[in-house]
Amino acid sequence: MLPRLAICLVLLPVVLGLVAGCEPPAITPNGVIGIFGGVGLGPGAFSYPRAITAEPDGSVFVVDKSGRVQRFGADGALETYWRMPETAQGKPVGLTVHPDGRIFVADTHYHRVTVFDRDGNQLGSFGREGTGDGELLLPTDVAVDADGFIYVSEYQGNDRITKWSPDLKFVDAIGEGLIDGKPLRRPAGIDIDDQQTLWIADACNHRIVRLSRNGKALAAFGGFGNGPGKLRYPYDISVSPSGEIMVCEYEGNRLQWFTRDGRSLRIWGGGGRKPGELFAPWGAAFGPGGNVYVVDSLNSRVQIIRP
């Protein structure tokens, strides 16, 4: 844990718009209410942040290409950080908060999921390199259903979702066949809604796939393009408390919201470096107060918006 003074010194230059205990006005016409981060390797700064997750009424966690997981308050104030146990082979690209408070990190290039408590103490891991039962290749994201079963997306060889029991034992592999005529190609982000449907950001097919928890294909929508309803490398997906599907488009430099049947509702963002613009965003999450936290990766920052 950082000393209180260190936190203040680090964050004063990089937090915009949010003041603890206040409801700030938007700082851009498209609804940005705060920005935190900045380029660097110091506490509170980022080296190419690549994934984000949040506790519904608590903290926000970001992992970057230096192999650090940093925990922030809702206003962007740094609370603590830790480093992944190994980073020589590569860095994580996904993480999620388990309902019981544990942090599950898709430790991508080590072909496993590493589990921490919210203060960064390592609690265990599961998975090993391979294509068989209980094995993973380049895991990208993690999701948890209402019964505690854990789902892990993989790519570059497996391109599937594996299902694990609450005690971290392998159960099944799903999503391996054709879905609407195509196999999954880099499922980059996953989420589970309150109806226990599994949503997949099928990045290299530029589409969203919907599966049941046992792997039955339910729907697919999207397709490559720039217009409403089209997608350019969807890297993350999150279901809102109201049931809307929020998709983060890495190459599209935007967020797009959909109904469950694939109708585009609205689009936010656009390429650039100004507040309210994005440069290769890897992820977005619903966080404290119902706000959206967007990992603006090549701008090395997190933007906070009201949906």
Protein backbone atom coordinates (compact mmCIF):
# COMPACT_ATOMS: atom_id res chain seq x y z
CA MET A 1 0.00 0.00 0.00
CA LEU A 2 1.33 3.46 -0.86
CA PRO A 3 1.72 6.05 1.86
CA ARG A 4 -1.00 8.70 1.80
CA LEU A 5 1.46 11.46 0.87
CA ALA A 6 2.81 9.47 -2.07
CA ILE A 7 -0.68 8.96 -3.41
CA CYS A 8 -1.39 12.70 -3.33
CA LEU A 9 1.86 13.62 -5.02
CA VAL A 10 1.40 11.10 -7.80
CA LEU A 11 -2.20 11.84 -8.62
CA LEU A 12 -2.47 15.62 -8.44
CA PRO A 13 -1.01 16.09 -11.96
CA VAL A 14 -3.05 13.39 -13.66
CA VAL A 15 -6.60 13.39 -12.26
CA LEU A 16 -9.01 15.74 -14.03
CA GLY A 17 -12.63 16.52 -13.36
CA LEU A 18 -13.40 14.41 -10.27
CA VAL A 19 -13.36 15.67 -6.70
CA ALA A 20 -14.12 13.22 -3.91
CA GLY A 21 -17.57 13.78 -2.47
CA CYS A 22 -18.73 15.98 -5.35
CA GLU A 23 -20.79 15.36 -8.46
CA PRO A 24 -18.64 17.09 -11.10
CA PRO A 25 -19.92 18.66 -14.30
CA ALA A 26 -18.99 17.00 -17.57
CA ILE A 27 -15.68 18.25 -18.96
CA THR A 28 -16.54 17.38 -22.57
CA PRO A 29 -19.75 17.66 -24.60
CA ASN A 30 -19.95 13.87 -24.85
CA GLY A 31 -19.97 13.34 -21.10
CA VAL A 32 -16.43 12.78 -19.80
CA ILE A 33 -16.47 13.54 -16.07
CA GLY A 34 -12.91 12.54 -15.22
CA ILE A 35 -9.57 11.39 -16.58
CA PHE A 36 -6.70 9.77 -14.74
CA GLY A 37 -3.37 8.22 -15.60
CA GLY A 38 -0.67 9.53 -17.91
CA VAL A 39 2.38 8.01 -19.55
CA GLY A 40 4.92 6.53 -17.16
CA LEU A 41 6.06 3.68 -14.97
CA GLY A 42 5.41 5.36 -11.65
CA PRO A 43 2.43 4.73 -9.37
CA GLY A 44 -0.77 6.05 -10.91
CA ALA A 45 0.70 6.30 -14.41
CA PHE A 46 0.37 3.74 -17.22
CA SER A 47 2.51 1.97 -19.76
CA TYR A 48 -0.10 0.96 -22.37
CA PRO A 49 -3.02 -0.08 -20.13
CA ARG A 50 -4.79 -3.12 -21.60
CA ALA A 51 -7.63 -4.23 -19.33
CA ILE A 52 -9.98 -2.89 -16.70
CA THR A 53 -12.52 -4.23 -14.22
CA ALA A 54 -14.43 -2.69 -11.34
CA GLU A 55 -16.22 -3.51 -8.14
CA PRO A 56 -19.82 -2.29 -8.44
CA ASP A 57 -19.52 0.03 -5.44
CA GLY A 58 -15.81 0.02 -4.77
CA SER A 59 -12.57 0.22 -6.69
CA VAL A 60 -11.35 0.08 -10.28
CA PHE A 61 -8.49 -2.24 -11.33
CA VAL A 62 -6.27 -1.65 -14.38
CA VAL A 63 -3.47 -3.85 -15.75
CA ASP A 64 -0.87 -2.39 -18.09
CA LYS A 65 1.98 -3.61 -20.30
CA SER A 66 4.51 -3.24 -17.50
CA GLY A 67 2.81 -6.15 -15.74
CA ARG A 68 1.29 -4.03 -12.96
CA VAL A 69 -2.21 -4.24 -11.58
CA GLN A 70 -3.21 -0.90 -10.06
CA ARG A 71 -6.25 -0.31 -7.88
CA PHE A 72 -7.94 3.08 -7.98
CA GLY A 73 -10.83 4.67 -6.17
CA ALA A 74 -13.91 5.74 -8.06
CA ASP A 75 -12.40 9.22 -8.51
CA GLY A 76 -9.12 7.90 -9.95
CA ALA A 77 -7.09 8.21 -6.76
CA LEU A 78 -4.50 5.43 -6.56
CA GLU A 79 -5.09 3.03 -3.67
CA THR A 80 -2.45 0.33 -4.19
CA TYR A 81 -0.67 -1.69 -6.88
CA TRP A 82 1.22 -4.92 -7.40
CA ARG A 83 3.21 -6.68 -10.09
CA MET A 84 2.47 -9.99 -11.75
CA PRO A 85 4.71 -12.80 -10.46
CA GLU A 86 6.30 -13.35 -13.88
CA THR A 87 6.46 -11.05 -16.91
CA ALA A 88 9.43 -12.11 -19.09
CA GLN A 89 7.18 -14.01 -21.54
CA GLY A 90 4.52 -11.30 -21.75
CA LYS A 91 1.88 -9.37 -19.85
CA PRO A 92 -1.83 -9.90 -19.05
CA VAL A 93 -4.63 -8.60 -21.28
CA GLY A 94 -7.70 -9.32 -19.11
CA LEU A 95 -8.99 -9.35 -15.55
CA THR A 96 -12.24 -9.48 -13.63
CA VAL A 97 -13.53 -9.10 -10.09
CA HIS A 98 -15.13 -12.28 -8.74
CA PRO A 99 -18.36 -11.69 -6.78
CA ASP A 100 -16.49 -12.72 -3.63
CA GLY A 101 -13.91 -9.96 -4.17
CA ARG A 102 -11.02 -11.96 -5.60
CA ILE A 103 -9.26 -10.61 -8.69
CA PHE A 104 -8.87 -13.09 -11.57
CA VAL A 105 -6.14 -12.06 -14.04
CA ALA A 106 -5.86 -13.67 -17.48
CA ASP A 107 -2.09 -14.20 -17.30
CA THR A 108 -2.00 -14.43 -21.06
CA HIS A 109 1.52 -15.43 -22.01
CA TYR A 110 1.83 -17.86 -19.11
CA HIS A 111 -1.31 -19.69 -20.25
CA ARG A 112 -3.03 -19.52 -16.88
CA VAL A 113 -5.36 -17.47 -14.71
CA THR A 114 -3.73 -16.04 -11.60
CA VAL A 115 -5.90 -15.19 -8.59
CA PHE A 116 -5.25 -12.40 -6.08
CA ASP A 117 -7.07 -10.75 -3.23
CA ARG A 118 -7.92 -7.08 -3.78
CA ASP A 119 -4.66 -6.02 -2.10
CA GLY A 120 -2.50 -8.04 -4.48
CA ASN A 121 -1.75 -11.09 -2.37
CA GLN A 122 -1.55 -14.10 -4.67
CA LEU A 123 -4.08 -16.79 -3.76
CA GLY A 124 -3.40 -19.35 -6.50
CA SER A 125 -3.69 -20.02 -10.22
CA PHE A 126 -5.20 -22.53 -12.64
CA GLY A 127 -4.53 -23.70 -16.16
CA ARG A 128 -1.37 -24.76 -17.98
CA GLU A 129 -0.16 -24.43 -21.56
CA GLY A 130 -1.85 -26.71 -24.08
CA THR A 131 -4.96 -27.54 -26.04
CA GLY A 132 -6.45 -30.32 -23.91
CA ASP A 133 -8.70 -30.46 -20.87
CA GLY A 134 -7.47 -28.16 -18.13
CA GLU A 135 -5.12 -26.41 -20.53
CA LEU A 136 -5.11 -22.88 -21.95
CA LEU A 137 -3.52 -21.01 -24.84
CA LEU A 138 -3.18 -17.24 -24.45
CA PRO A 139 -6.19 -16.55 -22.21
CA THR A 140 -7.71 -13.13 -22.81
CA ASP A 141 -10.51 -12.62 -20.28
CA VAL A 142 -12.46 -14.15 -17.40
CA ALA A 143 -16.15 -14.09 -16.40
CA VAL A 144 -18.11 -15.65 -13.53
CA ASP A 145 -21.74 -16.86 -13.54
CA ALA A 146 -24.31 -16.77 -10.74
CA ASP A 147 -23.36 -20.27 -9.57
CA GLY A 148 -19.68 -19.45 -9.30
CA PHE A 149 -18.54 -21.20 -12.47
CA ILE A 150 -15.66 -19.44 -14.19
CA TYR A 151 -15.28 -18.91 -17.95
CA VAL A 152 -11.97 -18.16 -19.69
CA SER A 153 -11.59 -17.01 -23.31
CA GLU A 154 -8.52 -18.08 -25.35
CA TYR A 155 -7.06 -17.40 -28.78
CA GLN A 156 -4.33 -18.35 -31.30
CA GLY A 157 -4.79 -22.09 -31.35
CA ASN A 158 -7.71 -22.75 -29.06
CA ASP A 159 -10.11 -19.87 -29.87
CA ARG A 160 -12.69 -21.15 -27.43
CA ILE A 161 -14.15 -20.66 -23.97
CA THR A 162 -13.25 -23.04 -21.15
CA LYS A 163 -15.49 -23.53 -18.14
CA TRP A 164 -14.12 -24.15 -14.64
CA SER A 165 -15.84 -25.08 -11.38
CA PRO A 166 -15.99 -22.73 -8.39
CA ASP A 167 -13.05 -24.66 -6.90
CA LEU A 168 -11.03 -23.98 -10.10
CA LYS A 169 -11.31 -27.45 -11.67
CA PHE A 170 -11.75 -27.86 -15.44
CA VAL A 171 -15.35 -28.65 -16.48
CA ASP A 172 -15.71 -28.26 -20.25
CA ALA A 173 -14.66 -26.42 -23.41
CA ILE A 174 -17.41 -24.59 -25.33
CA GLY A 175 -17.67 -22.44 -28.44
CA GLU A 176 -15.29 -24.62 -30.47
CA GLY A 177 -17.56 -25.33 -33.47
CA LEU A 178 -19.04 -23.09 -36.12
CA ILE A 179 -21.23 -20.30 -34.84
CA ASP A 180 -23.38 -18.75 -37.55
CA GLY A 181 -21.04 -20.31 -40.09
CA LYS A 182 -17.73 -19.23 -38.51
CA PRO A 183 -15.47 -20.43 -35.71
CA LEU A 184 -14.44 -17.96 -33.04
CA ARG A 185 -11.36 -15.91 -33.98
CA ARG A 186 -9.70 -14.28 -31.00
CA PRO A 187 -12.50 -14.08 -28.46
CA ALA A 188 -11.02 -11.06 -26.71
CA GLY A 189 -13.61 -10.19 -24.06
CA ILE A 190 -16.45 -12.00 -22.31
CA ASP A 191 -19.22 -11.19 -19.84
CA ILE A 192 -22.27 -12.92 -18.33
CA ASP A 193 -25.59 -11.14 -17.87
CA ASP A 194 -28.25 -11.59 -15.21
CA GLN A 195 -30.01 -14.16 -17.44
CA GLN A 196 -26.78 -16.21 -17.32
CA THR A 197 -26.07 -15.71 -21.01
CA LEU A 198 -22.42 -15.64 -22.09
CA TRP A 199 -21.51 -12.71 -24.34
CA ILE A 200 -18.31 -12.86 -26.43
CA ALA A 201 -16.44 -10.09 -28.25
CA ASP A 202 -15.28 -12.18 -31.23
CA ALA A 203 -12.58 -9.71 -32.22
CA CYS A 204 -11.20 -10.94 -35.54
CA ASN A 205 -14.68 -11.78 -36.83
CA HIS A 206 -15.79 -8.25 -35.88
CA ARG A 207 -18.93 -9.55 -34.23
CA ILE A 208 -20.65 -10.32 -30.94
CA VAL A 209 -21.61 -13.92 -30.13
CA ARG A 210 -24.15 -15.03 -27.55
CA LEU A 211 -23.96 -18.52 -25.99
CA SER A 212 -25.80 -20.35 -23.25
CA ARG A 213 -23.69 -21.48 -20.29
CA ASN A 214 -23.50 -24.99 -21.76
CA GLY A 215 -22.22 -23.63 -25.07
CA LYS A 216 -25.38 -23.58 -27.19
CA ALA A 217 -25.13 -20.86 -29.85
CA LEU A 218 -27.95 -18.34 -29.41
CA ALA A 219 -27.12 -15.44 -31.72
CA ALA A 220 -24.39 -13.47 -33.49
CA PHE A 221 -24.41 -9.94 -34.82
CA GLY A 222 -22.06 -7.27 -36.12
CA GLY A 223 -19.69 -7.44 -39.05
CA PHE A 224 -16.74 -5.30 -40.13
CA GLY A 225 -17.47 -1.63 -40.71
CA ASN A 226 -17.80 1.87 -39.33
CA GLY A 227 -21.54 2.46 -39.31
CA PRO A 228 -23.97 1.82 -36.46
CA GLY A 229 -24.24 -1.90 -35.81
CA LYS A 230 -20.85 -2.62 -37.42
CA LEU A 231 -17.65 -3.30 -35.49
CA ARG A 232 -13.89 -2.92 -35.88
CA TYR A 233 -12.01 -5.35 -33.60
CA PRO A 234 -14.27 -5.50 -30.54
CA TYR A 235 -11.83 -6.18 -27.69
CA ASP A 236 -14.15 -5.95 -24.70
CA ILE A 237 -17.78 -6.40 -23.80
CA SER A 238 -19.79 -5.60 -20.70
CA VAL A 239 -23.49 -5.88 -19.90
CA SER A 240 -24.98 -2.87 -18.15
CA PRO A 241 -27.20 -3.15 -15.08
CA SER A 242 -30.16 -2.34 -17.36
CA GLY A 243 -29.23 -5.11 -19.82
CA GLU A 244 -27.64 -3.09 -22.61
CA ILE A 245 -24.56 -4.57 -24.27
CA MET A 246 -21.56 -2.23 -24.25
CA VAL A 247 -18.77 -3.05 -26.72
CA CYS A 248 -15.30 -1.48 -26.82
CA GLU A 249 -13.87 -1.32 -30.35
CA TYR A 250 -10.06 -1.31 -30.45
CA GLU A 251 -9.70 -0.18 -34.06
CA GLY A 252 -13.01 1.68 -34.13
CA ASN A 253 -11.84 3.97 -31.29
CA ARG A 254 -15.29 4.00 -29.76
CA LEU A 255 -17.83 2.40 -27.48
CA GLN A 256 -21.08 1.12 -28.94
CA TRP A 257 -24.20 0.05 -27.05
CA PHE A 258 -26.56 -2.64 -28.36
CA THR A 259 -29.84 -4.25 -27.42
CA ARG A 260 -29.74 -7.98 -26.73
CA ASP A 261 -30.91 -8.69 -30.28
CA GLY A 262 -28.08 -6.66 -31.81
CA ARG A 263 -29.68 -3.31 -32.57
CA SER A 264 -27.22 -0.44 -32.19
CA LEU A 265 -28.42 2.12 -29.65
CA ARG A 266 -25.67 4.74 -29.55
CA ILE A 267 -21.97 5.33 -30.15
CA TRP A 268 -19.47 7.23 -28.03
CA GLY A 269 -15.92 8.35 -28.77
CA GLY A 270 -13.93 8.74 -31.95
CA GLY A 271 -10.24 8.69 -32.75
CA GLY A 272 -7.93 11.28 -31.19
CA ARG A 273 -6.04 12.41 -28.11
CA LYS A 274 -8.36 15.06 -26.66
CA PRO A 275 -10.68 14.35 -23.73
CA GLY A 276 -13.64 12.45 -25.10
CA GLU A 277 -11.55 10.86 -27.86
CA LEU A 278 -9.87 7.46 -27.90
CA PHE A 279 -6.72 5.88 -29.33
CA ALA A 280 -6.82 2.06 -29.53
CA PRO A 281 -8.97 1.37 -26.43
CA TRP A 282 -8.68 -2.19 -25.07
CA GLY A 283 -11.49 -2.23 -22.55
CA ALA A 284 -14.34 -0.58 -20.71
CA ALA A 285 -16.22 -1.44 -17.53
CA PHE A 286 -19.24 -0.28 -15.59
CA GLY A 287 -17.96 0.96 -12.25
CA PRO A 288 -18.97 2.76 -9.07
CA GLY A 289 -22.03 4.97 -9.42
CA GLY A 290 -22.92 3.38 -12.75
CA ASN A 291 -20.21 5.35 -14.55
CA VAL A 292 -18.19 3.83 -17.39
CA TYR A 293 -14.40 3.57 -17.13
CA VAL A 294 -12.62 3.32 -20.49
CA VAL A 295 -9.02 2.12 -20.92
CA ASP A 296 -7.74 4.58 -23.53
CA SER A 297 -4.69 2.47 -24.21
CA LEU A 298 -2.41 4.43 -26.55
CA ASN A 299 -3.31 7.63 -24.70
CA SER A 300 -2.17 5.89 -21.48
CA ARG A 301 -5.18 7.02 -19.47
CA VAL A 302 -8.60 6.05 -18.20
CA GLN A 303 -11.56 8.22 -19.08
CA ILE A 304 -14.69 8.21 -16.90
CA ILE A 305 -18.00 8.88 -18.60
CA ARG A 306 -21.67 8.89 -17.76
CA PRO A 307 -23.47 6.45 -20.07
